[in-house]
Amino acid sequence: MSVNILDKDTIIKQKSDGFRPLIIGDPATIFHARAARLRQLAQDSFMADYLLLAGQIVQQQLHLVDTFNGAVQQQLQAQTLTWPIEIDSSWQAILDPMLTQLTSALRPVVSDDIVKVIDNISQIDQQTLLHYFHALQQNQAERVPADIAIILWSCINTLMSLIVANTQLEWQPEANAKQSHCPLCGGAPAASLIQGSGHRYLHCSQCEAQWHRLRAECTQCGDGENIQLQSETLEDSIRAETCSHCQSYLKMLVLEKNPQLDPIADDLATIVLDQKLGEMEFYRSGFNPFLLPLAQ
């Protein structure tokens, strides 16, 4: 599917109600809030240790944003991007030191098991690392060992969010298009968010952008006749939108009920709902990197 990306000099006027087809957030704000949310969710969770580990990784992503934002800006001035973005060897000069800083910062604060994972990463040659980075960016996580994927993904996630934030493009969807993946980077959605306005946005797991998608239709196959909402209670702010046409589901976060909800953190913390849906033979259409080791 082709996408119409508008540069900032040709941005179309938005509707008077402030509706935007695409929302690009600030990476530092997103990672700061996500780390705090993970720590909060860990307080009353049976998976507290893992949520805290995820919080430590996201906290280091915040530091990566501060360190590498200038380098990303310089790289963007030196090359012309195509959309959706594809990571190639030209970004290796940023990804390598990102990975070094991330693993060095994590080493003193994580468990011995995670230190072993970091040690394993340090033994991987540059060509293999680039292969892994490329696979993750192309939504092919199965090509990457699950135990190291979340750390490598954190670098991809940070880099892509900085690229998108610094380009500040706008997106004009094609008529009747049903965009299931991010129009900027091709990433899979982590979850759908219902904003206070009632509009539904899909939140990109890779670059943190959000793009509008009509409600009451499957975000995977586009079917609108076989949609149901699954949750523990009718009052839950986190539900799963299931489609019996393609047997997929995606979590739906209602921000009006709880503005603190985060598509990565709260998706991870509601893994019991995933287990329930798995027993009903639905499969996830969204992507959460922190679920990769748990799927082993």
C-alpha atoms as a PDB file:
ATOM      1  CA  MET A   1       0.000   0.000   0.000  1.00  0.00           C
ATOM      2  CA  SER A   2       1.358   3.420  -0.916  1.00  0.00           C
ATOM      3  CA  VAL A   3       1.193   6.222   1.606  1.00  0.00           C
ATOM      4  CA  ASN A   4       1.107   9.943   1.075  1.00  0.00           C
ATOM      5  CA  ILE A   5       3.700  11.610   3.304  1.00  0.00           C
ATOM      6  CA  LEU A   6       3.597  15.394   3.379  1.00  0.00           C
ATOM      7  CA  ASP A   7       6.676  17.387   4.309  1.00  0.00           C
ATOM      8  CA  LYS A   8       6.369  20.230   6.786  1.00  0.00           C
ATOM      9  CA  ASP A   9       6.306  22.841   4.019  1.00  0.00           C
ATOM     10  CA  THR A  10       3.167  21.368   2.476  1.00  0.00           C
ATOM     11  CA  ILE A  11       1.178  20.313   5.533  1.00  0.00           C
ATOM     12  CA  ILE A  12      -2.533  20.441   4.867  1.00  0.00           C
ATOM     13  CA  LYS A  13      -4.771  22.498   7.122  1.00  0.00           C
ATOM     14  CA  GLN A  14      -6.351  20.462   9.856  1.00  0.00           C
ATOM     15  CA  LYS A  15     -10.060  20.357  10.533  1.00  0.00           C
ATOM     16  CA  SER A  16     -11.508  22.962  12.843  1.00  0.00           C
ATOM     17  CA  ASP A  17     -12.034  20.387  15.611  1.00  0.00           C
ATOM     18  CA  GLY A  18      -8.266  19.798  15.800  1.00  0.00           C
ATOM     19  CA  PHE A  19      -8.418  16.269  14.399  1.00  0.00           C
ATOM     20  CA  ARG A  20      -5.094  15.020  13.068  1.00  0.00           C
ATOM     21  CA  PRO A  21      -4.592  11.829  11.041  1.00  0.00           C
ATOM     22  CA  LEU A  22      -1.113  11.431  12.562  1.00  0.00           C
ATOM     23  CA  ILE A  23       0.264  12.250  16.008  1.00  0.00           C
ATOM     24  CA  ILE A  24       4.016  12.347  16.643  1.00  0.00           C
ATOM     25  CA  GLY A  25       5.053  12.479  20.277  1.00  0.00           C
ATOM     26  CA  ASP A  26       8.244  13.560  21.994  1.00  0.00           C
ATOM     27  CA  PRO A  27      10.451  10.494  22.682  1.00  0.00           C
ATOM     28  CA  ALA A  28      11.788  11.838  25.976  1.00  0.00           C
ATOM     29  CA  THR A  29       8.260  12.457  27.268  1.00  0.00           C
ATOM     30  CA  ILE A  30       7.063   9.030  26.100  1.00  0.00           C
ATOM     31  CA  PHE A  31       9.949   7.060  27.639  1.00  0.00           C
ATOM     32  CA  HIS A  32       9.824   9.032  30.903  1.00  0.00           C
ATOM     33  CA  ALA A  33       6.099   8.343  31.301  1.00  0.00           C
ATOM     34  CA  ARG A  34       6.481   4.687  30.266  1.00  0.00           C
ATOM     35  CA  ALA A  35       9.237   3.987  32.774  1.00  0.00           C
ATOM     36  CA  ALA A  36       7.137   5.555  35.538  1.00  0.00           C
ATOM     37  CA  ARG A  37       4.072   3.567  34.473  1.00  0.00           C
ATOM     38  CA  LEU A  38       5.999   0.286  34.516  1.00  0.00           C
ATOM     39  CA  ARG A  39       7.230   0.997  38.048  1.00  0.00           C
ATOM     40  CA  GLN A  40       3.687   1.840  39.125  1.00  0.00           C
ATOM     41  CA  LEU A  41       2.213  -1.317  37.597  1.00  0.00           C
ATOM     42  CA  ALA A  42       4.899  -3.443  39.251  1.00  0.00           C
ATOM     43  CA  GLN A  43       3.675  -2.490  42.722  1.00  0.00           C
ATOM     44  CA  ASP A  44       0.661  -4.798  42.601  1.00  0.00           C
ATOM     45  CA  SER A  45       1.648  -7.292  39.923  1.00  0.00           C
ATOM     46  CA  PHE A  46       2.509 -10.983  40.047  1.00  0.00           C
ATOM     47  CA  MET A  47       5.160 -10.181  37.416  1.00  0.00           C
ATOM     48  CA  ALA A  48       6.692  -7.283  39.332  1.00  0.00           C
ATOM     49  CA  ASP A  49      10.324  -8.282  38.712  1.00  0.00           C
ATOM     50  CA  TYR A  50       9.846  -8.363  34.957  1.00  0.00           C
ATOM     51  CA  LEU A  51       7.929  -5.078  34.867  1.00  0.00           C
ATOM     52  CA  LEU A  52      10.748  -3.455  36.856  1.00  0.00           C
ATOM     53  CA  LEU A  53      13.314  -4.849  34.396  1.00  0.00           C
ATOM     54  CA  ALA A  54      11.302  -3.388  31.523  1.00  0.00           C
ATOM     55  CA  GLY A  55      11.200  -0.107  33.427  1.00  0.00           C
ATOM     56  CA  GLN A  56      14.985  -0.114  33.790  1.00  0.00           C
ATOM     57  CA  ILE A  57      15.416  -0.640  30.047  1.00  0.00           C
ATOM     58  CA  VAL A  58      12.960   2.141  29.184  1.00  0.00           C
ATOM     59  CA  GLN A  59      14.662   4.466  31.676  1.00  0.00           C
ATOM     60  CA  GLN A  60      17.917   3.932  29.800  1.00  0.00           C
ATOM     61  CA  GLN A  61      16.131   4.685  26.536  1.00  0.00           C
ATOM     62  CA  LEU A  62      15.439   8.119  27.991  1.00  0.00           C
ATOM     63  CA  HIS A  63      19.187   8.613  28.459  1.00  0.00           C
ATOM     64  CA  LEU A  64      19.824   7.402  24.902  1.00  0.00           C
ATOM     65  CA  VAL A  65      17.461  10.094  23.620  1.00  0.00           C
ATOM     66  CA  ASP A  66      19.487  12.775  25.395  1.00  0.00           C
ATOM     67  CA  THR A  67      22.803  11.390  24.151  1.00  0.00           C
ATOM     68  CA  PHE A  68      22.001  10.654  20.508  1.00  0.00           C
ATOM     69  CA  ASN A  69      19.426  13.225  19.442  1.00  0.00           C
ATOM     70  CA  GLY A  70      22.141  15.478  17.974  1.00  0.00           C
ATOM     71  CA  ALA A  71      23.743  12.608  16.065  1.00  0.00           C
ATOM     72  CA  VAL A  72      20.389  11.645  14.551  1.00  0.00           C
ATOM     73  CA  GLN A  73      19.814  15.255  13.459  1.00  0.00           C
ATOM     74  CA  GLN A  74      23.213  15.316  11.731  1.00  0.00           C
ATOM     75  CA  GLN A  75      22.547  11.997   9.999  1.00  0.00           C
ATOM     76  CA  LEU A  76      19.184  13.218   8.754  1.00  0.00           C
ATOM     77  CA  GLN A  77      20.869  16.235   7.153  1.00  0.00           C
ATOM     78  CA  ALA A  78      23.277  13.932   5.310  1.00  0.00           C
ATOM     79  CA  GLN A  79      20.773  11.567   3.699  1.00  0.00           C
ATOM     80  CA  THR A  80      17.376  11.473   2.052  1.00  0.00           C
ATOM     81  CA  LEU A  81      14.834   9.197   3.672  1.00  0.00           C
ATOM     82  CA  THR A  82      12.229   7.118   1.909  1.00  0.00           C
ATOM     83  CA  TRP A  83       8.974   6.156   3.568  1.00  0.00           C
ATOM     84  CA  PRO A  84       8.347   3.838   5.249  1.00  0.00           C
ATOM     85  CA  ILE A  85      11.833   4.115   6.763  1.00  0.00           C
ATOM     86  CA  GLU A  86      14.221   1.186   6.406  1.00  0.00           C
ATOM     87  CA  ILE A  87      17.268   0.801   8.624  1.00  0.00           C
ATOM     88  CA  ASP A  88      20.465   0.074   6.689  1.00  0.00           C
ATOM     89  CA  SER A  89      24.195   0.141   7.379  1.00  0.00           C
ATOM     90  CA  SER A  90      24.264   3.949   7.269  1.00  0.00           C
ATOM     91  CA  TRP A  91      22.714   3.980  10.758  1.00  0.00           C
ATOM     92  CA  GLN A  92      25.207   1.517  12.228  1.00  0.00           C
ATOM     93  CA  ALA A  93      27.422   4.372  13.445  1.00  0.00           C
ATOM     94  CA  ILE A  94      24.595   5.391  15.781  1.00  0.00           C
ATOM     95  CA  LEU A  95      23.164   1.984  16.652  1.00  0.00           C
ATOM     96  CA  ASP A  96      26.512   0.543  17.784  1.00  0.00           C
ATOM     97  CA  PRO A  97      27.309   3.209  20.415  1.00  0.00           C
ATOM     98  CA  MET A  98      23.641   3.206  21.450  1.00  0.00           C
ATOM     99  CA  LEU A  99      23.894  -0.499  22.201  1.00  0.00           C
ATOM    100  CA  THR A 100      27.188  -0.034  24.042  1.00  0.00           C
ATOM    101  CA  GLN A 101      25.767   2.737  26.244  1.00  0.00           C
ATOM    102  CA  LEU A 102      22.593   0.786  26.944  1.00  0.00           C
ATOM    103  CA  THR A 103      24.306  -2.450  27.937  1.00  0.00           C
ATOM    104  CA  SER A 104      26.952  -0.643  30.010  1.00  0.00           C
ATOM    105  CA  ALA A 105      24.259   1.215  31.948  1.00  0.00           C
ATOM    106  CA  LEU A 106      22.172  -1.908  32.517  1.00  0.00           C
ATOM    107  CA  ARG A 107      25.009  -4.185  33.620  1.00  0.00           C
ATOM    108  CA  PRO A 108      25.315  -2.901  37.240  1.00  0.00           C
ATOM    109  CA  VAL A 109      21.549  -2.813  37.922  1.00  0.00           C
ATOM    110  CA  VAL A 110      20.177  -6.048  36.432  1.00  0.00           C
ATOM    111  CA  SER A 111      20.218  -9.676  37.528  1.00  0.00           C
ATOM    112  CA  ASP A 112      22.975 -12.138  36.769  1.00  0.00           C
ATOM    113  CA  ASP A 113      20.782 -13.740  34.104  1.00  0.00           C
ATOM    114  CA  ILE A 114      20.490 -10.437  32.235  1.00  0.00           C
ATOM    115  CA  VAL A 115      24.232  -9.831  32.609  1.00  0.00           C
ATOM    116  CA  LYS A 116      24.758 -13.136  30.794  1.00  0.00           C
ATOM    117  CA  VAL A 117      22.484 -11.877  28.007  1.00  0.00           C
ATOM    118  CA  ILE A 118      24.562  -8.688  27.803  1.00  0.00           C
ATOM    119  CA  ASP A 119      27.735 -10.787  27.660  1.00  0.00           C
ATOM    120  CA  ASN A 120      26.243 -12.793  24.795  1.00  0.00           C
ATOM    121  CA  ILE A 121      25.484  -9.595  22.886  1.00  0.00           C
ATOM    122  CA  SER A 122      29.078  -8.432  23.279  1.00  0.00           C
ATOM    123  CA  GLN A 123      30.241 -11.574  21.441  1.00  0.00           C
ATOM    124  CA  ILE A 124      28.096 -10.959  18.331  1.00  0.00           C
ATOM    125  CA  ASP A 125      29.956  -9.751  15.251  1.00  0.00           C
ATOM    126  CA  GLN A 126      28.960  -6.502  13.513  1.00  0.00           C
ATOM    127  CA  GLN A 127      27.430  -8.142  10.446  1.00  0.00           C
ATOM    128  CA  THR A 128      25.195 -10.361  12.557  1.00  0.00           C
ATOM    129  CA  LEU A 129      24.161  -7.409  14.707  1.00  0.00           C
ATOM    130  CA  LEU A 130      23.159  -5.452  11.618  1.00  0.00           C
ATOM    131  CA  HIS A 131      21.198  -8.482  10.426  1.00  0.00           C
ATOM    132  CA  TYR A 132      19.370  -8.610  13.770  1.00  0.00           C
ATOM    133  CA  PHE A 133      18.666  -4.873  13.774  1.00  0.00           C
ATOM    134  CA  HIS A 134      17.301  -5.080  10.245  1.00  0.00           C
ATOM    135  CA  ALA A 135      15.120  -8.093  11.085  1.00  0.00           C
ATOM    136  CA  LEU A 136      13.586  -6.341  14.088  1.00  0.00           C
ATOM    137  CA  GLN A 137      12.917  -3.194  12.099  1.00  0.00           C
ATOM    138  CA  GLN A 138      11.212  -5.284   9.408  1.00  0.00           C
ATOM    139  CA  ASN A 139       8.832  -6.941  11.929  1.00  0.00           C
ATOM    140  CA  GLN A 140      10.712 -10.246  11.693  1.00  0.00           C
ATOM    141  CA  ALA A 141      11.520 -10.784  15.348  1.00  0.00           C
ATOM    142  CA  GLU A 142      11.525 -14.562  14.854  1.00  0.00           C
ATOM    143  CA  ARG A 143      14.922 -14.139  13.141  1.00  0.00           C
ATOM    144  CA  VAL A 144      16.442 -12.791  16.375  1.00  0.00           C
ATOM    145  CA  PRO A 145      17.161 -14.814  19.552  1.00  0.00           C
ATOM    146  CA  ALA A 146      14.344 -13.861  21.925  1.00  0.00           C
ATOM    147  CA  ASP A 147      16.587 -13.347  24.961  1.00  0.00           C
ATOM    148  CA  ILE A 148      18.586 -10.553  23.294  1.00  0.00           C
ATOM    149  CA  ALA A 149      15.761  -9.113  21.194  1.00  0.00           C
ATOM    150  CA  ILE A 150      14.379  -6.691  23.785  1.00  0.00           C
ATOM    151  CA  ILE A 151      17.758  -5.021  24.290  1.00  0.00           C
ATOM    152  CA  LEU A 152      18.436  -4.712  20.558  1.00  0.00           C
ATOM    153  CA  TRP A 153      14.860  -3.569  20.012  1.00  0.00           C
ATOM    154  CA  SER A 154      15.331  -0.784  22.550  1.00  0.00           C
ATOM    155  CA  CYS A 155      17.996   0.726  20.298  1.00  0.00           C
ATOM    156  CA  ILE A 156      15.799   0.404  17.183  1.00  0.00           C
ATOM    157  CA  ASN A 157      12.843   1.881  19.061  1.00  0.00           C
ATOM    158  CA  THR A 158      14.915   4.821  20.320  1.00  0.00           C
ATOM    159  CA  LEU A 159      16.467   5.497  16.927  1.00  0.00           C
ATOM    160  CA  MET A 160      13.188   5.321  15.014  1.00  0.00           C
ATOM    161  CA  SER A 161      11.385   7.557  17.489  1.00  0.00           C
ATOM    162  CA  LEU A 162      14.176  10.148  17.177  1.00  0.00           C
ATOM    163  CA  ILE A 163      14.093  10.001  13.371  1.00  0.00           C
ATOM    164  CA  VAL A 164      10.342  10.513  13.252  1.00  0.00           C
ATOM    165  CA  ALA A 165      10.359  13.231  15.915  1.00  0.00           C
ATOM    166  CA  ASN A 166      13.063  15.194  14.086  1.00  0.00           C
ATOM    167  CA  THR A 167      11.427  14.977  10.661  1.00  0.00           C
ATOM    168  CA  GLN A 168       7.943  15.924  11.950  1.00  0.00           C
ATOM    169  CA  LEU A 169       6.142  14.776   8.833  1.00  0.00           C
ATOM    170  CA  GLU A 170       2.403  14.706   8.299  1.00  0.00           C
ATOM    171  CA  TRP A 171       0.438  11.867   6.789  1.00  0.00           C
ATOM    172  CA  GLN A 172      -2.582  12.087   4.536  1.00  0.00           C
ATOM    173  CA  PRO A 173      -4.304   8.679   4.299  1.00  0.00           C
ATOM    174  CA  GLU A 174      -5.611   7.543   0.961  1.00  0.00           C
ATOM    175  CA  ALA A 175      -9.378   7.394   0.561  1.00  0.00           C
ATOM    176  CA  ASN A 176     -10.806   4.174   2.045  1.00  0.00           C
ATOM    177  CA  ALA A 177      -7.310   2.991   2.993  1.00  0.00           C
ATOM    178  CA  LYS A 178      -7.096   0.686   6.005  1.00  0.00           C
ATOM    179  CA  GLN A 179      -3.593   1.267   7.353  1.00  0.00           C
ATOM    180  CA  SER A 180      -2.680  -1.721   9.547  1.00  0.00           C
ATOM    181  CA  HIS A 181       1.011  -0.768   9.971  1.00  0.00           C
ATOM    182  CA  CYS A 182       2.682   2.545  10.699  1.00  0.00           C
ATOM    183  CA  PRO A 183       2.815   4.779   7.596  1.00  0.00           C
ATOM    184  CA  LEU A 184       6.149   6.263   8.730  1.00  0.00           C
ATOM    185  CA  CYS A 185       8.221   3.202   9.632  1.00  0.00           C
ATOM    186  CA  GLY A 186       6.097   0.175   8.804  1.00  0.00           C
ATOM    187  CA  GLY A 187       6.017  -0.951  12.432  1.00  0.00           C
ATOM    188  CA  ALA A 188       3.215  -3.028  13.890  1.00  0.00           C
ATOM    189  CA  PRO A 189       0.842  -1.380  16.368  1.00  0.00           C
ATOM    190  CA  ALA A 190       1.339  -2.075  20.051  1.00  0.00           C
ATOM    191  CA  ALA A 191      -2.286  -1.253  20.860  1.00  0.00           C
ATOM    192  CA  SER A 192      -5.083   1.059  19.862  1.00  0.00           C
ATOM    193  CA  LEU A 193      -5.816   4.158  21.930  1.00  0.00           C
ATOM    194  CA  ILE A 194      -9.218   5.771  22.305  1.00  0.00           C
ATOM    195  CA  GLN A 195      -8.548   9.462  22.802  1.00  0.00           C
ATOM    196  CA  GLY A 196     -10.813  11.787  24.777  1.00  0.00           C
ATOM    197  CA  SER A 197     -12.263  12.976  21.470  1.00  0.00           C
ATOM    198  CA  GLY A 198     -13.452   9.429  20.794  1.00  0.00           C
ATOM    199  CA  HIS A 199     -11.084   8.947  17.866  1.00  0.00           C
ATOM    200  CA  ARG A 200      -9.127   5.703  17.700  1.00  0.00           C
ATOM    201  CA  TYR A 201      -5.395   5.757  16.967  1.00  0.00           C
ATOM    202  CA  LEU A 202      -3.016   2.856  16.498  1.00  0.00           C
ATOM    203  CA  HIS A 203       0.212   3.348  18.455  1.00  0.00           C
ATOM    204  CA  CYS A 204       3.357   2.254  16.624  1.00  0.00           C
ATOM    205  CA  SER A 205       5.514  -0.108  18.652  1.00  0.00           C
ATOM    206  CA  GLN A 206       8.591   0.981  16.712  1.00  0.00           C
ATOM    207  CA  CYS A 207       8.621   4.782  16.276  1.00  0.00           C
ATOM    208  CA  GLU A 208       5.910   5.791  18.816  1.00  0.00           C
ATOM    209  CA  ALA A 209       3.803   7.628  16.205  1.00  0.00           C
ATOM    210  CA  GLN A 210       0.018   7.243  16.253  1.00  0.00           C
ATOM    211  CA  TRP A 211      -2.168   7.052  13.173  1.00  0.00           C
ATOM    212  CA  HIS A 212      -5.934   7.296  12.952  1.00  0.00           C
ATOM    213  CA  ARG A 213      -7.994   4.184  12.274  1.00  0.00           C
ATOM    214  CA  LEU A 214     -11.774   3.961  12.293  1.00  0.00           C
ATOM    215  CA  ARG A 215     -13.344   2.201  15.254  1.00  0.00           C
ATOM    216  CA  ALA A 216     -15.445  -0.965  15.119  1.00  0.00           C
ATOM    217  CA  GLU A 217     -13.390  -2.569  12.372  1.00  0.00           C
ATOM    218  CA  CYS A 218     -10.590  -5.085  12.617  1.00  0.00           C
ATOM    219  CA  THR A 219      -7.206  -3.387  12.466  1.00  0.00           C
ATOM    220  CA  GLN A 220      -5.744  -6.514  10.871  1.00  0.00           C
ATOM    221  CA  CYS A 221      -8.188  -7.542   8.117  1.00  0.00           C
ATOM    222  CA  GLY A 222     -10.582  -4.564   8.008  1.00  0.00           C
ATOM    223  CA  ASP A 223     -13.711  -6.621   8.730  1.00  0.00           C
ATOM    224  CA  GLY A 224     -16.451  -4.754  10.582  1.00  0.00           C
ATOM    225  CA  GLU A 225     -19.048  -7.474  11.003  1.00  0.00           C
ATOM    226  CA  ASN A 226     -17.362  -9.838  13.443  1.00  0.00           C
ATOM    227  CA  ILE A 227     -15.922  -7.486  16.075  1.00  0.00           C
ATOM    228  CA  GLN A 228     -16.312  -7.990  19.815  1.00  0.00           C
ATOM    229  CA  LEU A 229     -14.733  -6.401  22.874  1.00  0.00           C
ATOM    230  CA  GLN A 230     -13.287  -8.727  25.503  1.00  0.00           C
ATOM    231  CA  SER A 231     -12.372  -7.652  29.033  1.00  0.00           C
ATOM    232  CA  GLU A 232     -12.518  -8.768  32.623  1.00  0.00           C
ATOM    233  CA  THR A 233     -15.328  -6.306  33.432  1.00  0.00           C
ATOM    234  CA  LEU A 234     -17.426  -3.863  31.413  1.00  0.00           C
ATOM    235  CA  GLU A 235     -15.754  -0.976  33.259  1.00  0.00           C
ATOM    236  CA  ASP A 236     -12.211  -1.961  32.330  1.00  0.00           C
ATOM    237  CA  SER A 237     -10.145   0.748  30.649  1.00  0.00           C
ATOM    238  CA  ILE A 238      -8.192  -1.970  28.807  1.00  0.00           C
ATOM    239  CA  ARG A 239     -10.075  -4.283  26.484  1.00  0.00           C
ATOM    240  CA  ALA A 240      -9.247  -6.488  23.557  1.00  0.00           C
ATOM    241  CA  GLU A 241     -10.953  -5.972  20.229  1.00  0.00           C
ATOM    242  CA  THR A 242     -11.346  -9.438  18.721  1.00  0.00           C
ATOM    243  CA  CYS A 243     -12.212 -10.350  15.139  1.00  0.00           C
ATOM    244  CA  SER A 244     -13.757 -13.763  14.508  1.00  0.00           C
ATOM    245  CA  HIS A 245     -13.208 -13.283  10.774  1.00  0.00           C
ATOM    246  CA  CYS A 246      -9.394 -13.481  10.961  1.00  0.00           C
ATOM    247  CA  GLN A 247      -9.160 -14.681  14.600  1.00  0.00           C
ATOM    248  CA  SER A 248      -6.909 -11.783  15.615  1.00  0.00           C
ATOM    249  CA  TYR A 249      -7.108  -9.263  18.441  1.00  0.00           C
ATOM    250  CA  LEU A 250      -5.544  -6.002  19.515  1.00  0.00           C
ATOM    251  CA  LYS A 251      -5.681  -4.395  22.948  1.00  0.00           C
ATOM    252  CA  MET A 252      -7.708  -1.189  23.194  1.00  0.00           C
ATOM    253  CA  LEU A 253      -6.815   1.418  25.834  1.00  0.00           C
ATOM    254  CA  VAL A 254      -9.500   3.962  26.758  1.00  0.00           C
ATOM    255  CA  LEU A 255      -7.562   7.056  27.806  1.00  0.00           C
ATOM    256  CA  GLU A 256     -10.677   8.871  28.977  1.00  0.00           C
ATOM    257  CA  LYS A 257     -11.003   6.280  31.729  1.00  0.00           C
ATOM    258  CA  ASN A 258      -7.305   6.439  32.635  1.00  0.00           C
ATOM    259  CA  PRO A 259      -4.970   8.998  31.000  1.00  0.00           C
ATOM    260  CA  GLN A 260      -1.902   7.231  32.477  1.00  0.00           C
ATOM    261  CA  LEU A 261      -2.336   4.154  30.302  1.00  0.00           C
ATOM    262  CA  ASP A 262       0.673   3.314  28.146  1.00  0.00           C
ATOM    263  CA  PRO A 263       0.386   1.015  25.097  1.00  0.00           C
ATOM    264  CA  ILE A 264       3.559  -0.959  25.903  1.00  0.00           C
ATOM    265  CA  ALA A 265       3.433  -0.997  29.705  1.00  0.00           C
ATOM    266  CA  ASP A 266      -0.268  -1.736  30.112  1.00  0.00           C
ATOM    267  CA  ASP A 267      -0.308  -4.290  27.325  1.00  0.00           C
ATOM    268  CA  LEU A 268       2.496  -6.136  29.112  1.00  0.00           C
ATOM    269  CA  ALA A 269       0.807  -5.877  32.523  1.00  0.00           C
ATOM    270  CA  THR A 270      -2.461  -7.376  31.213  1.00  0.00           C
ATOM    271  CA  ILE A 271      -0.903 -10.615  29.977  1.00  0.00           C
ATOM    272  CA  VAL A 272      -3.668 -12.579  31.736  1.00  0.00           C
ATOM    273  CA  LEU A 273      -6.078 -11.230  29.120  1.00  0.00           C
ATOM    274  CA  ASP A 274      -3.728 -12.535  26.408  1.00  0.00           C
ATOM    275  CA  GLN A 275      -3.781 -15.972  28.007  1.00  0.00           C
ATOM    276  CA  LYS A 276      -7.571 -15.933  28.072  1.00  0.00           C
ATOM    277  CA  LEU A 277      -7.754 -14.954  24.408  1.00  0.00           C
ATOM    278  CA  GLY A 278      -5.180 -17.578  23.478  1.00  0.00           C
ATOM    279  CA  GLU A 279      -7.422 -20.226  25.041  1.00  0.00           C
ATOM    280  CA  MET A 280     -10.212 -18.880  22.799  1.00  0.00           C
ATOM    281  CA  GLU A 281      -7.848 -19.404  19.802  1.00  0.00           C
ATOM    282  CA  PHE A 282      -7.318 -15.729  19.004  1.00  0.00           C
ATOM    283  CA  TYR A 283      -3.817 -14.525  18.100  1.00  0.00           C
ATOM    284  CA  ARG A 284      -2.167 -11.163  18.715  1.00  0.00           C
ATOM    285  CA  SER A 285      -1.995  -8.827  15.743  1.00  0.00           C
ATOM    286  CA  GLY A 286      -0.037  -6.261  17.748  1.00  0.00           C
ATOM    287  CA  PHE A 287       3.589  -6.336  18.824  1.00  0.00           C
ATOM    288  CA  ASN A 288       5.168  -5.804  22.220  1.00  0.00           C
ATOM    289  CA  PRO A 289       8.948  -6.445  22.380  1.00  0.00           C
ATOM    290  CA  PHE A 290       8.824  -7.233  26.087  1.00  0.00           C
ATOM    291  CA  LEU A 291       6.651 -10.262  25.367  1.00  0.00           C
ATOM    292  CA  LEU A 292       9.315 -11.906  23.182  1.00  0.00           C
ATOM    293  CA  PRO A 293      11.219 -13.687  25.997  1.00  0.00           C
ATOM    294  CA  LEU A 294       7.925 -14.731  27.630  1.00  0.00           C
ATOM    295  CA  ALA A 295       6.879 -16.450  24.404  1.00  0.00           C
ATOM    296  CA  GLN A 296       9.815 -18.864  24.494  1.00  0.00           C
END
